[in-house]
Amino acid sequence: MLANFIIAVNAVVPLFLLILLGMAARNLHLLTDAELSHVNGAIFKVMFPLMMFYNIYSSDISESFDLGYICFSVVMTLVVYFLGLAVTLLVEKDKRSRGALTQAIYRGNVVLMGLPIMINLMGDDARGLTAVLIAVIVPCYNILTVITLEMFRGDKVDIKDIARRILTNPLIDGAFFGILANLVGLQLPELLEELISDVASAATVVALIVMGASFHVSSVKENLRNLIIGVLGKLIISPAIVVVAGYAIGLRGIPLALLLIIFGAPCAVSSYTMAQQMDSNGELAAGCLIFTSLFSCVTICGWIFLLKQLGAI
């Protein structure tokens, strides 16, 4: 249990240090609002799409592919999404906040936290299934996020316009080309592959620094109710629904543990950038990311302890 707590802390602490670095840069007047806006645009249009492409391109999707399990995981993603959307529509009237709160409830930081925690918890045998599920779930997250943020963008819902924006969204395009390259077995030249890998590795770092520089502590009080809903929904309610469903259909060991880590992970780093770039409540998205990351060390370890006590993993 202590080892899992240490892994969770080690996954979260660097995130906070980068956020603090961004806050320091803002306080030292090293970054202006205009510069932050431009960098955020570059992250959204260049760095995150390349990260999406590379993560899928470099995954061995054929290995450890379990169609039934993958379908169950996608269905549970949709269940959590629609429950989160329903709660958001009930408690929040502001459209900008609705989009940010909805994605906070269902969209997790599975790329940074999923694989290291699973390998520590279940050993190298978990590597294949974890990589495959991440390669499937992350594009689902991004498609749902684009639909959600577009739906709450502006005063009138235009289905054709939403469809166009989804098809032209940089993250969706990155995921699409990553899947296409993986399926056809495309092998990029080593120099180009290394370049894309470097940009993909830097994307999260730059995004967290920019988020820290853009975040205002005063916004916590303004968004307190939604922050509480987002944290409880992401770290407690969502994993509870999915783990109970998985346990009920007989999942044990690695598959059940993976569901816990995927759905119990804190908010995705890219949630802030997408919210900010798509006219949603960026401050709320940033707050949900910060506080779910902070509390996830405790909640993930609590979930692991509970499942171990039940003999489920």
Protein backbone atom coordinates (compact mmCIF):
# COMPACT_ATOMS: atom_id res chain seq x y z
CA MET A 1 0.00 0.00 0.00
CA LEU A 2 2.84 2.41 0.87
CA ALA A 3 4.50 1.65 -2.47
CA ASN A 4 1.28 2.53 -4.33
CA PHE A 5 0.95 5.75 -2.35
CA ILE A 6 4.54 6.69 -3.22
CA ILE A 7 3.90 5.96 -6.92
CA ALA A 8 0.79 8.17 -6.83
CA VAL A 9 2.66 10.96 -5.06
CA ASN A 10 5.57 10.73 -7.50
CA ALA A 11 3.11 11.02 -10.38
CA VAL A 12 1.39 14.07 -8.88
CA VAL A 13 4.24 16.11 -7.31
CA PRO A 14 5.90 16.99 -10.65
CA LEU A 15 2.53 18.31 -11.86
CA PHE A 16 2.30 20.66 -8.91
CA LEU A 17 5.90 21.82 -9.26
CA LEU A 18 5.25 22.75 -12.89
CA ILE A 19 2.04 24.56 -11.91
CA LEU A 20 3.94 26.46 -9.21
CA LEU A 21 6.63 27.32 -11.75
CA GLY A 22 3.94 28.84 -13.96
CA MET A 23 2.51 30.80 -11.02
CA ALA A 24 5.99 32.12 -10.23
CA ALA A 25 6.50 33.16 -13.86
CA ARG A 26 3.22 35.08 -13.74
CA ASN A 27 4.09 36.81 -10.44
CA LEU A 28 7.51 37.75 -11.81
CA HIS A 29 5.78 39.25 -14.88
CA LEU A 30 7.66 36.90 -17.21
CA LEU A 31 4.45 35.99 -19.03
CA THR A 32 1.68 38.35 -20.10
CA ASP A 33 -1.95 37.44 -20.81
CA ALA A 34 -1.36 37.88 -24.54
CA GLU A 35 1.66 35.57 -24.46
CA LEU A 36 -0.23 32.96 -22.45
CA SER A 37 -3.06 33.05 -24.98
CA HIS A 38 -0.65 32.53 -27.88
CA VAL A 39 1.20 29.67 -26.16
CA ASN A 40 -2.09 28.03 -25.22
CA GLY A 41 -3.09 28.18 -28.86
CA ALA A 42 0.17 26.50 -29.89
CA ILE A 43 -0.35 23.76 -27.29
CA PHE A 44 -3.89 23.13 -28.51
CA LYS A 45 -3.16 23.24 -32.24
CA VAL A 46 0.32 21.67 -32.40
CA MET A 47 1.65 20.02 -29.26
CA PHE A 48 -1.40 18.08 -28.03
CA PRO A 49 -2.31 16.77 -31.51
CA LEU A 50 1.24 15.46 -31.95
CA MET A 51 1.07 13.92 -28.46
CA MET A 52 -2.22 12.20 -29.36
CA PHE A 53 -0.75 10.95 -32.62
CA TYR A 54 2.43 9.61 -31.05
CA ASN A 55 0.75 7.90 -28.09
CA ILE A 56 -1.50 5.91 -30.44
CA TYR A 57 1.11 5.45 -33.19
CA SER A 58 3.60 3.95 -30.73
CA SER A 59 1.10 1.59 -29.02
CA ASP A 60 0.78 -2.07 -29.96
CA ILE A 61 -3.00 -2.13 -30.26
CA SER A 62 -3.12 -5.71 -31.56
CA GLU A 63 -1.38 -7.09 -28.49
CA SER A 64 -3.61 -7.80 -25.47
CA PHE A 65 -6.67 -6.60 -27.37
CA ASP A 66 -9.81 -7.87 -25.62
CA LEU A 67 -12.83 -6.67 -27.61
CA GLY A 68 -15.39 -7.46 -24.90
CA TYR A 69 -13.41 -5.65 -22.23
CA ILE A 70 -12.72 -2.67 -24.49
CA CYS A 71 -16.42 -2.38 -25.37
CA PHE A 72 -17.38 -2.56 -21.69
CA SER A 73 -14.88 0.20 -20.86
CA VAL A 74 -16.19 2.45 -23.64
CA VAL A 75 -19.79 1.86 -22.52
CA MET A 76 -18.85 2.76 -18.94
CA THR A 77 -17.14 5.91 -20.21
CA LEU A 78 -20.42 6.89 -21.86
CA VAL A 79 -22.40 6.04 -18.72
CA VAL A 80 -20.16 8.23 -16.56
CA TYR A 81 -20.25 10.97 -19.19
CA PHE A 82 -24.05 11.13 -19.40
CA LEU A 83 -24.44 10.95 -15.61
CA GLY A 84 -21.95 13.80 -15.26
CA LEU A 85 -23.76 15.78 -17.93
CA ALA A 86 -27.10 15.24 -16.18
CA VAL A 87 -25.70 16.41 -12.84
CA THR A 88 -24.12 19.45 -14.48
CA LEU A 89 -27.36 20.45 -16.18
CA LEU A 90 -29.17 20.21 -12.85
CA VAL A 91 -26.75 22.20 -10.71
CA GLU A 92 -25.18 24.73 -13.09
CA LYS A 93 -26.93 27.34 -15.25
CA ASP A 94 -23.88 29.00 -16.78
CA LYS A 95 -23.00 27.42 -20.14
CA ARG A 96 -19.27 28.09 -19.86
CA SER A 97 -19.12 26.30 -16.52
CA ARG A 98 -21.28 23.40 -17.70
CA GLY A 99 -18.71 22.28 -20.27
CA ALA A 100 -15.75 22.52 -17.88
CA LEU A 101 -17.55 20.72 -15.05
CA THR A 102 -18.84 17.91 -17.25
CA GLN A 103 -15.40 17.05 -18.61
CA ALA A 104 -13.92 17.23 -15.12
CA ILE A 105 -16.19 14.40 -13.97
CA TYR A 106 -15.40 11.84 -16.67
CA ARG A 107 -12.05 12.76 -18.26
CA GLY A 108 -8.98 11.41 -16.47
CA ASN A 109 -5.22 11.87 -16.58
CA VAL A 110 -4.69 8.28 -17.67
CA VAL A 111 -1.57 8.85 -19.78
CA LEU A 112 0.58 10.17 -16.93
CA MET A 113 -0.82 8.08 -14.08
CA GLY A 114 -2.31 4.97 -15.67
CA LEU A 115 0.72 2.96 -16.76
CA PRO A 116 3.12 3.59 -13.84
CA ILE A 117 0.51 2.84 -11.18
CA MET A 118 -0.73 -0.28 -12.97
CA ILE A 119 2.78 -1.69 -13.41
CA ASN A 120 3.57 -1.04 -9.76
CA LEU A 121 0.27 -2.53 -8.63
CA MET A 122 -0.05 -5.55 -10.93
CA GLY A 123 3.42 -6.03 -12.46
CA ASP A 124 4.59 -6.06 -16.10
CA ASP A 125 1.71 -8.35 -17.06
CA ALA A 126 -0.53 -5.26 -16.89
CA ARG A 127 1.49 -3.29 -19.44
CA GLY A 128 -0.19 -4.58 -22.62
CA LEU A 129 -3.84 -4.23 -21.62
CA THR A 130 -3.17 -0.84 -20.02
CA ALA A 131 -1.54 0.55 -23.17
CA VAL A 132 -4.38 -0.74 -25.36
CA LEU A 133 -7.14 0.67 -23.15
CA ILE A 134 -5.41 4.06 -22.92
CA ALA A 135 -5.09 4.12 -26.73
CA VAL A 136 -8.85 3.56 -27.03
CA ILE A 137 -10.18 5.63 -24.12
CA VAL A 138 -8.17 8.82 -24.68
CA PRO A 139 -9.62 9.46 -28.18
CA CYS A 140 -13.09 8.78 -26.72
CA TYR A 141 -12.39 11.41 -24.05
CA ASN A 142 -11.39 13.95 -26.65
CA ILE A 143 -14.38 13.32 -28.92
CA LEU A 144 -16.78 13.67 -25.98
CA THR A 145 -14.98 16.80 -24.78
CA VAL A 146 -15.16 18.51 -28.15
CA ILE A 147 -18.87 17.68 -28.43
CA THR A 148 -19.52 18.94 -24.89
CA LEU A 149 -17.58 22.17 -25.12
CA GLU A 150 -19.06 22.94 -28.53
CA MET A 151 -22.56 22.21 -27.22
CA PHE A 152 -22.16 24.82 -24.49
CA ARG A 153 -20.39 27.34 -26.72
CA GLY A 154 -22.50 30.31 -27.75
CA ASP A 155 -26.24 30.84 -27.54
CA LYS A 156 -27.49 28.54 -30.30
CA VAL A 157 -26.75 24.87 -30.92
CA ASP A 158 -25.98 24.26 -34.60
CA ILE A 159 -25.55 20.52 -35.27
CA LYS A 160 -23.76 21.06 -38.59
CA ASP A 161 -21.37 23.57 -37.04
CA ILE A 162 -20.65 21.24 -34.10
CA ALA A 163 -19.96 18.36 -36.51
CA ARG A 164 -17.61 20.55 -38.53
CA ARG A 165 -15.75 21.68 -35.42
CA ILE A 166 -15.39 18.07 -34.24
CA LEU A 167 -13.95 16.97 -37.58
CA THR A 168 -11.51 19.88 -37.64
CA ASN A 169 -10.53 19.74 -33.96
CA PRO A 170 -6.72 19.33 -33.75
CA LEU A 171 -6.84 16.65 -31.03
CA ILE A 172 -9.42 14.58 -32.89
CA ASP A 173 -7.30 14.85 -36.05
CA GLY A 174 -4.20 13.80 -34.14
CA ALA A 175 -5.98 10.74 -32.75
CA PHE A 176 -7.42 9.83 -36.17
CA PHE A 177 -4.07 9.92 -37.93
CA GLY A 178 -2.48 8.03 -35.04
CA ILE A 179 -5.03 5.23 -35.36
CA LEU A 180 -4.65 5.20 -39.15
CA ALA A 181 -0.85 5.02 -38.92
CA ASN A 182 -1.06 2.24 -36.36
CA LEU A 183 -3.52 0.16 -38.36
CA VAL A 184 -1.56 0.36 -41.64
CA GLY A 185 1.73 -0.29 -39.85
CA LEU A 186 3.30 3.01 -40.89
CA GLN A 187 6.93 3.37 -39.82
CA LEU A 188 8.10 6.98 -39.71
CA PRO A 189 11.74 7.88 -40.39
CA GLU A 190 13.72 7.75 -37.16
CA LEU A 191 14.50 11.47 -37.22
CA LEU A 192 10.83 12.45 -37.65
CA GLU A 193 9.66 9.95 -35.05
CA GLU A 194 12.18 11.32 -32.54
CA LEU A 195 11.06 14.88 -33.26
CA ILE A 196 7.38 14.03 -32.72
CA SER A 197 8.28 12.11 -29.55
CA ASP A 198 10.14 15.15 -28.16
CA VAL A 199 7.22 17.48 -28.88
CA ALA A 200 4.77 14.98 -27.34
CA SER A 201 6.92 14.74 -24.20
CA ALA A 202 7.07 18.52 -23.87
CA ALA A 203 3.33 19.07 -24.36
CA THR A 204 2.27 18.25 -20.80
CA VAL A 205 5.14 20.22 -19.27
CA VAL A 206 4.37 23.39 -21.24
CA ALA A 207 0.62 23.01 -20.67
CA LEU A 208 1.03 22.78 -16.88
CA ILE A 209 3.33 25.81 -16.74
CA VAL A 210 0.86 27.86 -18.80
CA MET A 211 -2.03 26.65 -16.65
CA GLY A 212 -0.20 27.68 -13.49
CA ALA A 213 0.51 31.12 -14.95
CA SER A 214 -3.15 31.51 -15.98
CA PHE A 215 -4.70 30.26 -12.73
CA HIS A 216 -5.95 32.77 -10.16
CA VAL A 217 -6.33 31.56 -6.58
CA SER A 218 -9.28 33.93 -6.13
CA SER A 219 -11.26 31.79 -8.61
CA VAL A 220 -11.42 28.95 -6.05
CA LYS A 221 -14.00 30.82 -3.99
CA GLU A 222 -16.03 31.72 -7.08
CA ASN A 223 -16.11 28.09 -8.28
CA LEU A 224 -16.12 26.34 -4.89
CA ARG A 225 -19.41 24.45 -5.33
CA ASN A 226 -18.46 23.19 -8.78
CA LEU A 227 -14.97 22.27 -7.60
CA ILE A 228 -16.46 20.09 -4.85
CA ILE A 229 -18.82 18.43 -7.34
CA GLY A 230 -15.96 17.89 -9.80
CA VAL A 231 -13.62 16.36 -7.21
CA LEU A 232 -16.26 14.04 -5.72
CA GLY A 233 -17.57 13.07 -9.15
CA LYS A 234 -14.12 12.30 -10.57
CA LEU A 235 -12.43 10.57 -7.63
CA ILE A 236 -15.31 8.91 -5.75
CA ILE A 237 -18.54 8.53 -7.71
CA SER A 238 -17.18 7.70 -11.19
CA PRO A 239 -14.78 4.94 -10.07
CA ALA A 240 -17.43 3.56 -7.69
CA ILE A 241 -19.96 3.15 -10.52
CA VAL A 242 -17.47 1.53 -12.89
CA VAL A 243 -15.73 -0.74 -10.36
CA VAL A 244 -19.04 -2.02 -8.99
CA ALA A 245 -20.27 -2.73 -12.53
CA GLY A 246 -17.01 -4.48 -13.41
CA TYR A 247 -17.08 -6.54 -10.23
CA ALA A 248 -20.72 -7.49 -10.87
CA ILE A 249 -19.91 -8.97 -14.30
CA GLY A 250 -17.01 -10.97 -12.87
CA LEU A 251 -13.94 -8.85 -13.60
CA ARG A 252 -11.05 -9.47 -11.21
CA GLY A 253 -7.32 -8.87 -11.09
CA ILE A 254 -5.72 -6.73 -13.80
CA PRO A 255 -8.93 -5.84 -15.72
CA LEU A 256 -10.71 -4.62 -12.56
CA ALA A 257 -7.66 -2.76 -11.25
CA LEU A 258 -7.26 -1.06 -14.62
CA LEU A 259 -10.85 0.18 -14.52
CA LEU A 260 -10.16 1.67 -11.10
CA ILE A 261 -7.03 3.50 -12.25
CA ILE A 262 -8.57 4.72 -15.53
CA PHE A 263 -11.77 6.05 -13.97
CA GLY A 264 -10.28 7.07 -10.61
CA ALA A 265 -7.41 9.14 -12.05
CA PRO A 266 -7.45 12.93 -11.58
CA CYS A 267 -8.59 15.29 -14.34
CA ALA A 268 -6.64 15.28 -17.60
CA VAL A 269 -3.96 17.94 -18.06
CA SER A 270 -5.36 18.84 -21.49
CA SER A 271 -8.78 19.62 -19.97
CA TYR A 272 -7.63 23.14 -19.06
CA THR A 273 -6.17 23.89 -22.48
CA MET A 274 -9.27 22.67 -24.30
CA ALA A 275 -11.59 24.58 -21.96
CA GLN A 276 -9.58 27.77 -22.39
CA GLN A 277 -9.34 27.44 -26.17
CA MET A 278 -13.00 26.54 -26.65
CA ASP A 279 -14.56 29.39 -24.65
CA SER A 280 -15.34 27.34 -21.54
CA ASN A 281 -14.57 28.15 -17.89
CA GLY A 282 -10.80 27.71 -17.86
CA GLU A 283 -10.48 28.70 -14.21
CA LEU A 284 -12.89 25.95 -13.18
CA ALA A 285 -11.08 23.40 -15.38
CA ALA A 286 -7.74 24.41 -13.84
CA GLY A 287 -9.13 24.19 -10.30
CA CYS A 288 -10.57 20.71 -10.92
CA LEU A 289 -7.22 19.55 -12.30
CA ILE A 290 -5.30 20.90 -9.32
CA PHE A 291 -7.60 19.58 -6.59
CA THR A 292 -8.31 16.18 -8.14
CA SER A 293 -4.56 15.69 -8.58
CA LEU A 294 -3.99 16.64 -4.94
CA PHE A 295 -6.63 14.32 -3.48
CA SER A 296 -6.11 11.43 -5.92
CA CYS A 297 -3.07 10.19 -3.98
CA VAL A 298 -5.38 9.40 -1.06
CA THR A 299 -8.44 8.20 -3.00
CA ILE A 300 -6.56 5.87 -5.35
CA CYS A 301 -4.76 4.24 -2.44
CA GLY A 302 -8.08 3.94 -0.58
CA TRP A 303 -9.70 2.21 -3.56
CA ILE A 304 -6.73 -0.16 -3.94
CA PHE A 305 -6.88 -1.04 -0.24
CA LEU A 306 -10.62 -1.75 -0.47
CA LEU A 307 -10.30 -4.02 -3.52
CA LYS A 308 -7.38 -5.87 -1.98
CA GLN A 309 -9.41 -6.44 1.19
CA LEU A 310 -12.19 -7.89 -0.96
CA GLY A 311 -9.69 -10.12 -2.77
CA ALA A 312 -10.71 -8.58 -6.10
CA ILE A 313 -7.20 -7.59 -7.21
